[in-house]
Amino acid sequence: MPLLALWLLAVTGWLAVTLGLARAPAGFARRTALLAHLMTGPGVVLFCAVTGFGSLHGTIALAAEWWALILVTGLRPGRLLATGTLPRLAAWAAAAAALALLATRWMPGI
């Protein structure tokens, strides 16, 4: 059951970030950001397959990063591109690490 909850959290976080990116920048920046975001899922699966690193850990990391991004930017990922956002970027990294640690402790068998 925790694995299903993790997948649901990852998918909803991915969708929320996608919606935030779709409305944030304009023109070429929007297309580039959306393409990069759309490639994160397949890229992590490929990375985990090539390196032998478990995809469960990759899913936990992605879900933590997406939800931390949502929490720190308030559903506006474009805020990380604004001037003077180094504290926000640091808060995103700290929140992602904390969420990943909590999720890892929550998952059985890790």
Protein backbone atom coordinates (compact mmCIF):
# COMPACT_ATOMS: atom_id res chain seq x y z
CA MET A 1 0.00 0.00 0.00
CA PRO A 2 2.80 2.54 0.70
CA LEU A 3 4.15 1.92 -2.81
CA LEU A 4 0.82 2.83 -4.38
CA ALA A 5 0.66 5.97 -2.27
CA LEU A 6 4.19 6.86 -3.38
CA TRP A 7 3.26 6.45 -7.04
CA LEU A 8 0.13 8.56 -6.58
CA LEU A 9 2.14 11.29 -4.85
CA ALA A 10 4.74 11.19 -7.63
CA VAL A 11 2.15 11.42 -10.41
CA THR A 12 0.16 14.22 -8.79
CA GLY A 13 3.36 16.15 -8.04
CA TRP A 14 4.50 15.71 -11.64
CA LEU A 15 1.14 16.92 -12.95
CA ALA A 16 1.10 19.93 -10.62
CA VAL A 17 4.59 20.99 -11.71
CA THR A 18 3.60 20.47 -15.35
CA LEU A 19 0.60 22.76 -14.92
CA GLY A 20 2.77 25.32 -13.18
CA LEU A 21 5.34 25.24 -15.97
CA ALA A 22 2.65 25.51 -18.63
CA ARG A 23 1.59 28.91 -17.33
CA ALA A 24 4.90 30.33 -16.04
CA PRO A 25 7.35 31.44 -18.74
CA ALA A 26 6.39 32.34 -22.27
CA GLY A 27 7.59 31.23 -25.69
CA PHE A 28 10.80 29.26 -26.04
CA ALA A 29 11.44 29.14 -22.29
CA ARG A 30 8.08 27.46 -21.71
CA ARG A 31 8.64 24.84 -24.40
CA THR A 32 12.14 24.10 -23.13
CA ALA A 33 11.01 23.81 -19.50
CA LEU A 34 8.08 21.55 -20.41
CA LEU A 35 10.24 19.32 -22.60
CA ALA A 36 12.84 18.96 -19.86
CA HIS A 37 10.12 18.20 -17.31
CA LEU A 38 8.44 15.64 -19.58
CA MET A 39 11.78 13.84 -19.99
CA THR A 40 12.50 13.52 -16.25
CA GLY A 41 10.40 10.38 -15.78
CA PRO A 42 11.90 8.38 -18.65
CA GLY A 43 15.33 9.79 -17.84
CA VAL A 44 15.22 8.57 -14.25
CA VAL A 45 13.98 5.13 -15.32
CA LEU A 46 16.82 4.90 -17.84
CA PHE A 47 19.36 6.15 -15.30
CA CYS A 48 18.20 3.59 -12.74
CA ALA A 49 18.31 0.80 -15.32
CA VAL A 50 21.82 1.66 -16.52
CA THR A 51 23.40 2.24 -13.10
CA GLY A 52 21.60 -0.53 -11.25
CA PHE A 53 20.25 1.96 -8.74
CA GLY A 54 16.76 1.04 -7.57
CA SER A 55 13.89 2.78 -9.28
CA LEU A 56 12.12 2.97 -5.92
CA HIS A 57 14.80 5.33 -4.69
CA GLY A 58 14.53 7.33 -7.91
CA THR A 59 10.76 7.59 -7.51
CA ILE A 60 11.15 8.75 -3.92
CA ALA A 61 13.67 11.38 -4.97
CA LEU A 62 11.49 12.66 -7.81
CA ALA A 63 8.34 12.82 -5.70
CA ALA A 64 10.23 14.65 -2.95
CA GLU A 65 11.71 17.14 -5.41
CA TRP A 66 8.40 17.85 -7.10
CA TRP A 67 6.48 18.34 -3.87
CA ALA A 68 9.27 20.46 -2.41
CA LEU A 69 9.15 22.60 -5.55
CA ILE A 70 5.39 22.97 -5.15
CA LEU A 71 5.74 23.92 -1.47
CA VAL A 72 8.58 26.39 -1.97
CA THR A 73 7.30 28.14 -5.10
CA GLY A 74 3.57 27.97 -4.41
CA LEU A 75 2.68 26.18 -7.67
CA ARG A 76 4.75 28.69 -9.69
CA PRO A 77 8.03 26.97 -10.64
CA GLY A 78 8.98 30.04 -12.66
CA ARG A 79 9.79 31.77 -9.38
CA LEU A 80 13.08 29.86 -9.33
CA LEU A 81 14.10 31.80 -12.44
CA ALA A 82 13.47 35.23 -10.93
CA THR A 83 16.29 37.46 -9.77
CA GLY A 84 17.54 36.90 -6.24
CA THR A 85 16.06 33.47 -5.69
CA LEU A 86 19.09 31.81 -4.10
CA PRO A 87 17.30 31.49 -0.71
CA ARG A 88 14.31 29.91 -2.45
CA LEU A 89 16.62 27.47 -4.24
CA ALA A 90 18.27 26.57 -0.93
CA ALA A 91 14.84 26.07 0.66
CA TRP A 92 13.86 23.81 -2.23
CA ALA A 93 16.98 21.66 -1.76
CA ALA A 94 16.46 21.44 2.01
CA ALA A 95 12.76 20.60 1.67
CA ALA A 96 13.49 17.96 -0.99
CA ALA A 97 16.11 16.33 1.24
CA ALA A 98 13.76 16.33 4.23
CA LEU A 99 10.86 14.90 2.22
CA ALA A 100 13.09 12.22 0.70
CA LEU A 101 14.32 11.24 4.16
CA LEU A 102 10.75 11.03 5.48
CA ALA A 103 9.58 9.00 2.49
CA THR A 104 12.53 6.62 2.79
CA ARG A 105 11.76 6.02 6.47
CA TRP A 106 8.08 5.51 5.61
CA MET A 107 8.68 2.86 2.93
CA PRO A 108 8.99 -0.68 4.28
CA GLY A 109 12.02 -2.73 3.32
CA ILE A 110 14.41 0.14 2.67
